[in-house]
Amino acid sequence: MISTFKETLSSLRDPKYFEVIAKKTVKQSLWYWSRYVLFFALIPTILAIFTLTYYTPQFPRLAKQYLPEVDFTVKDGLASTSLSQPFVANFEDVVFIIDTTGSSTLNTPGVMITQDKFIFRSPEGDTQTQSLKDLGDLHFDKSAAVSWIASHQFQIWLLGFLLIVLLAAIFSLFYVSFNILMFLFWSAVLWIISRLRHKKFLFITGFKIAVHASVLPLIISALTFMSSSGLIFILNLFLFAFYTISWYRNLVT
């Protein structure tokens, strides 16, 4: 990354950097930009993994401290719980209900546990019912939850690790895809302007200019992500426009 930082500083100070851009291939320009994307994507990902690694051994203690004193038992196919009923938990478009008194009905997508049944309702309105006898006898309470967490710390860490990596990959893919579309858009704008001005200008050159002009706004956004988004957006837009127009004018002159 040292050479990449040096090139960025050179692009800000060298008035003829547009000649460097013109000589680069599209692959070289994209790799130059992508190194910053990877760098700034890895930092929060690594911090999140370190945080997960630090707190995973503390999960049993946190569970013991903060989990409520509740229990859920199934014996001889009949359910009982210390929860106040009906217990209803809403998760956006899905509902989870525990009601062994028989006073509730499942009218929306979700899951409901009655005294002797496990009911699942799909978003399409299809309902499936399973007898609790099929689950056998079971008992779940706070101590069982704490014990399970303590004995499955590696699995919890691994699941969290995979989730962090997956979210980072999805966000990075979305960011890269969106920006490539924006590079194509601005290269098309520069090409059209050149045609109207009867200037010789390649579409690929406009693409490379847009890629390089977006590097400084990317750095500022990454370093000031906690600051006012409106102010940073205006600043980044100004910098992008400034370098794009400057390099474009020098190239067509």
Protein backbone atom coordinates (compact mmCIF):
# COMPACT_ATOMS: atom_id res chain seq x y z
CA MET A 1 0.00 0.00 0.00
CA ILE A 2 2.99 2.36 0.42
CA SER A 3 3.43 2.65 -3.35
CA THR A 4 -0.30 3.25 -3.71
CA PHE A 5 -0.20 6.08 -1.16
CA LYS A 6 2.79 7.60 -2.97
CA GLU A 7 0.93 7.48 -6.28
CA THR A 8 -2.06 9.21 -4.69
CA LEU A 9 0.15 12.00 -3.36
CA SER A 10 1.75 12.29 -6.79
CA SER A 11 -1.67 12.58 -8.43
CA LEU A 12 -2.51 15.53 -6.17
CA ARG A 13 0.77 17.38 -6.75
CA ASP A 14 1.71 16.53 -10.34
CA PRO A 15 -0.05 18.88 -12.82
CA LYS A 16 0.69 16.38 -15.61
CA TYR A 17 -0.72 13.33 -13.84
CA PHE A 18 -3.39 13.16 -16.56
CA GLU A 19 -0.63 11.81 -18.84
CA VAL A 20 -0.05 8.96 -16.38
CA ILE A 21 -3.78 8.17 -16.39
CA ALA A 22 -3.89 8.14 -20.19
CA LYS A 23 -1.02 5.61 -20.37
CA LYS A 24 -2.57 3.22 -17.82
CA THR A 25 -4.72 0.29 -18.83
CA VAL A 26 -8.25 -0.05 -17.44
CA LYS A 27 -7.06 -3.01 -15.38
CA GLN A 28 -4.26 -0.96 -13.83
CA SER A 29 -6.61 1.92 -12.98
CA LEU A 30 -9.19 -0.38 -11.43
CA TRP A 31 -6.54 -2.22 -9.41
CA TYR A 32 -5.21 1.10 -8.11
CA TRP A 33 -8.72 2.04 -6.92
CA SER A 34 -9.54 -1.48 -5.71
CA ARG A 35 -6.53 -1.55 -3.37
CA TYR A 36 -8.09 1.31 -1.40
CA VAL A 37 -11.47 -0.43 -1.37
CA LEU A 38 -9.89 -3.63 -0.04
CA PHE A 39 -7.79 -1.73 2.49
CA PHE A 40 -10.72 0.19 3.96
CA ALA A 41 -12.96 -2.91 3.87
CA LEU A 42 -10.40 -5.02 5.75
CA ILE A 43 -9.96 -2.57 8.63
CA PRO A 44 -13.55 -2.80 10.03
CA THR A 45 -13.70 -6.51 9.18
CA ILE A 46 -10.54 -7.25 11.20
CA LEU A 47 -11.72 -5.04 14.07
CA ALA A 48 -15.06 -6.85 14.12
CA ILE A 49 -13.32 -10.25 14.21
CA PHE A 50 -11.03 -9.10 17.04
CA THR A 51 -14.07 -7.83 18.96
CA LEU A 52 -15.90 -11.11 18.43
CA THR A 53 -12.81 -13.07 19.54
CA TYR A 54 -12.49 -10.93 22.67
CA TYR A 55 -16.14 -11.20 23.74
CA THR A 56 -16.85 -14.85 22.83
CA PRO A 57 -15.29 -16.26 26.05
CA GLN A 58 -17.45 -13.77 27.99
CA PHE A 59 -20.75 -14.85 26.42
CA PRO A 60 -21.58 -17.40 29.18
CA ARG A 61 -21.04 -14.75 31.88
CA LEU A 62 -23.10 -12.19 29.92
CA ALA A 63 -25.87 -14.74 29.36
CA LYS A 64 -25.94 -15.57 33.06
CA GLN A 65 -26.10 -11.88 33.91
CA TYR A 66 -28.69 -10.66 31.40
CA LEU A 67 -30.90 -13.61 30.36
CA PRO A 68 -34.27 -13.58 32.15
CA GLU A 69 -35.26 -16.36 34.55
CA VAL A 70 -37.67 -18.26 32.29
CA ASP A 71 -38.16 -21.91 31.43
CA PHE A 72 -39.88 -23.93 28.74
CA THR A 73 -40.77 -27.60 29.18
CA VAL A 74 -42.33 -30.26 26.97
CA LYS A 75 -43.37 -33.44 28.80
CA ASP A 76 -45.60 -36.18 27.39
CA GLY A 77 -46.37 -33.94 24.40
CA LEU A 78 -47.64 -31.04 26.53
CA ALA A 79 -45.86 -27.68 26.81
CA SER A 80 -45.56 -25.43 29.85
CA THR A 81 -43.64 -22.23 30.47
CA SER A 82 -43.09 -19.60 33.14
CA LEU A 83 -43.53 -16.84 30.54
CA SER A 84 -46.49 -14.53 30.79
CA GLN A 85 -48.92 -15.72 28.11
CA PRO A 86 -49.57 -15.16 25.36
CA PHE A 87 -45.90 -14.43 24.73
CA VAL A 88 -45.54 -12.56 21.42
CA ALA A 89 -42.28 -11.53 19.73
CA ASN A 90 -42.42 -9.62 16.44
CA PHE A 91 -39.51 -9.78 14.00
CA GLU A 92 -40.49 -7.43 11.17
CA ASP A 93 -42.86 -9.57 9.04
CA VAL A 94 -42.61 -12.70 11.21
CA VAL A 95 -44.19 -13.37 14.59
CA PHE A 96 -43.28 -15.88 17.29
CA ILE A 97 -46.00 -16.84 19.80
CA ILE A 98 -46.07 -19.12 22.83
CA ASP A 99 -49.58 -19.66 24.18
CA THR A 100 -50.48 -22.88 25.99
CA THR A 101 -53.87 -21.47 27.06
CA GLY A 102 -55.40 -21.74 23.57
CA SER A 103 -56.52 -18.11 23.46
CA SER A 104 -54.34 -17.08 20.49
CA THR A 105 -54.46 -17.77 16.77
CA LEU A 106 -51.71 -17.48 14.17
CA ASN A 107 -53.05 -15.13 11.49
CA THR A 108 -49.72 -13.81 10.16
CA PRO A 109 -46.53 -15.52 8.93
CA GLY A 110 -44.59 -17.00 11.82
CA VAL A 111 -44.47 -19.71 14.44
CA MET A 112 -46.78 -20.49 17.36
CA ILE A 113 -46.38 -23.06 20.12
CA THR A 114 -49.62 -24.17 21.76
CA GLN A 115 -50.08 -26.66 24.59
CA ASP A 116 -49.63 -29.65 22.28
CA LYS A 117 -48.78 -28.31 18.81
CA PHE A 118 -46.06 -26.54 16.86
CA ILE A 119 -47.68 -24.40 14.13
CA PHE A 120 -45.86 -22.78 11.21
CA ARG A 121 -47.54 -20.30 8.84
CA SER A 122 -45.75 -19.32 5.61
CA PRO A 123 -45.95 -15.88 3.95
CA GLU A 124 -48.22 -17.47 1.34
CA GLY A 125 -50.71 -18.41 4.06
CA ASP A 126 -49.97 -22.15 4.12
CA THR A 127 -50.14 -23.68 7.61
CA GLN A 128 -48.26 -26.72 8.87
CA THR A 129 -48.85 -28.36 12.24
CA GLN A 130 -46.62 -30.76 14.16
CA SER A 131 -47.39 -32.49 17.41
CA LEU A 132 -45.07 -31.68 20.29
CA LYS A 133 -44.91 -35.43 21.00
CA ASP A 134 -42.62 -35.68 17.97
CA LEU A 135 -40.07 -33.52 19.80
CA GLY A 136 -39.92 -35.80 22.82
CA ASP A 137 -39.45 -34.53 26.36
CA LEU A 138 -37.29 -31.44 26.74
CA HIS A 139 -36.56 -28.72 29.26
CA PHE A 140 -34.96 -25.36 28.57
CA ASP A 141 -34.19 -22.66 31.12
CA LYS A 142 -31.56 -20.03 31.87
CA SER A 143 -29.03 -22.48 33.28
CA ALA A 144 -29.43 -24.73 30.23
CA ALA A 145 -28.89 -21.74 27.93
CA VAL A 146 -25.76 -20.68 29.81
CA SER A 147 -24.43 -24.25 29.75
CA TRP A 148 -25.09 -24.57 26.00
CA ILE A 149 -23.32 -21.28 25.24
CA ALA A 150 -20.34 -22.29 27.39
CA SER A 151 -19.96 -25.63 25.59
CA HIS A 152 -20.40 -24.20 22.06
CA GLN A 153 -18.14 -21.15 22.16
CA PHE A 154 -16.11 -22.20 19.12
CA GLN A 155 -19.24 -22.82 17.04
CA ILE A 156 -20.62 -19.42 18.09
CA TRP A 157 -17.32 -17.74 17.19
CA LEU A 158 -17.17 -19.55 13.84
CA LEU A 159 -20.76 -18.56 13.01
CA GLY A 160 -20.02 -14.94 13.93
CA PHE A 161 -16.79 -15.01 11.90
CA LEU A 162 -18.59 -16.33 8.81
CA LEU A 163 -21.37 -13.77 9.24
CA ILE A 164 -18.85 -10.89 9.47
CA VAL A 165 -16.98 -12.08 6.36
CA LEU A 166 -20.25 -12.59 4.46
CA LEU A 167 -21.54 -9.11 5.33
CA ALA A 168 -18.19 -7.55 4.39
CA ALA A 169 -18.19 -9.39 1.05
CA ILE A 170 -21.79 -8.37 0.27
CA PHE A 171 -21.16 -4.73 1.17
CA SER A 172 -17.90 -4.64 -0.84
CA LEU A 173 -19.54 -6.26 -3.86
CA PHE A 174 -22.41 -3.78 -3.74
CA TYR A 175 -20.02 -0.82 -3.34
CA VAL A 176 -17.78 -1.93 -6.22
CA SER A 177 -20.72 -2.67 -8.54
CA PHE A 178 -22.38 0.68 -7.81
CA ASN A 179 -19.16 2.62 -8.38
CA ILE A 180 -18.35 0.85 -11.64
CA LEU A 181 -21.78 1.88 -12.90
CA MET A 182 -21.01 5.45 -11.84
CA PHE A 183 -17.63 5.30 -13.62
CA LEU A 184 -19.39 4.17 -16.78
CA PHE A 185 -21.94 6.96 -16.42
CA TRP A 186 -19.35 9.72 -16.02
CA SER A 187 -17.17 8.35 -18.80
CA ALA A 188 -20.24 8.47 -21.04
CA VAL A 189 -20.86 12.08 -19.96
CA LEU A 190 -17.27 13.08 -20.80
CA TRP A 191 -17.44 11.28 -24.14
CA ILE A 192 -20.69 13.02 -25.09
CA ILE A 193 -19.27 16.42 -24.10
CA SER A 194 -16.22 15.72 -26.26
CA ARG A 195 -18.41 14.81 -29.21
CA LEU A 196 -20.38 18.04 -28.81
CA ARG A 197 -17.13 20.01 -28.65
CA HIS A 198 -15.70 18.06 -31.61
CA LYS A 199 -12.76 16.92 -29.52
CA LYS A 200 -11.06 13.56 -29.86
CA PHE A 201 -11.62 11.68 -26.60
CA LEU A 202 -11.88 7.94 -25.92
CA PHE A 203 -14.62 6.48 -23.76
CA ILE A 204 -12.02 4.29 -22.00
CA THR A 205 -9.98 7.37 -21.09
CA GLY A 206 -13.04 8.92 -19.46
CA PHE A 207 -13.57 5.72 -17.50
CA LYS A 208 -9.98 5.82 -16.19
CA ILE A 209 -10.33 9.50 -15.25
CA ALA A 210 -13.49 8.74 -13.26
CA VAL A 211 -11.75 5.87 -11.47
CA HIS A 212 -8.75 7.97 -10.43
CA ALA A 213 -10.86 11.01 -9.53
CA SER A 214 -12.88 8.89 -7.09
CA VAL A 215 -9.86 7.81 -5.02
CA LEU A 216 -9.52 10.96 -2.90
CA PRO A 217 -13.28 11.09 -2.09
CA LEU A 218 -13.04 7.41 -1.13
CA ILE A 219 -10.18 8.12 1.28
CA ILE A 220 -11.99 11.10 2.84
CA SER A 221 -15.22 9.10 3.24
CA ALA A 222 -13.37 6.22 4.91
CA LEU A 223 -11.46 8.47 7.30
CA THR A 224 -14.46 10.64 8.23
CA PHE A 225 -17.29 8.10 8.19
CA MET A 226 -18.45 9.33 11.63
CA SER A 227 -18.72 12.95 10.50
CA SER A 228 -21.62 14.82 8.95
CA SER A 229 -22.64 12.84 5.88
CA GLY A 230 -24.08 15.88 4.09
CA LEU A 231 -20.90 17.93 4.36
CA ILE A 232 -18.66 15.02 3.40
CA PHE A 233 -20.89 14.20 0.42
CA ILE A 234 -20.63 17.78 -0.91
CA LEU A 235 -16.86 17.83 -0.37
CA ASN A 236 -16.40 14.49 -2.13
CA LEU A 237 -18.60 15.57 -5.02
CA PHE A 238 -16.57 18.78 -5.40
CA LEU A 239 -13.24 16.91 -5.34
CA PHE A 240 -14.46 14.32 -7.82
CA ALA A 241 -15.73 17.01 -10.17
CA PHE A 242 -12.58 19.12 -9.77
CA TYR A 243 -10.12 16.37 -10.66
CA THR A 244 -12.32 14.91 -13.37
CA ILE A 245 -12.74 18.28 -15.12
CA SER A 246 -9.06 19.22 -14.65
CA TRP A 247 -7.69 15.99 -16.10
CA TYR A 248 -10.31 15.95 -18.85
CA ARG A 249 -9.49 19.52 -19.97
CA ASN A 250 -5.76 18.79 -20.00
CA LEU A 251 -6.24 15.63 -22.02
CA VAL A 252 -8.42 17.23 -24.72
CA THR A 253 -6.29 20.38 -24.96
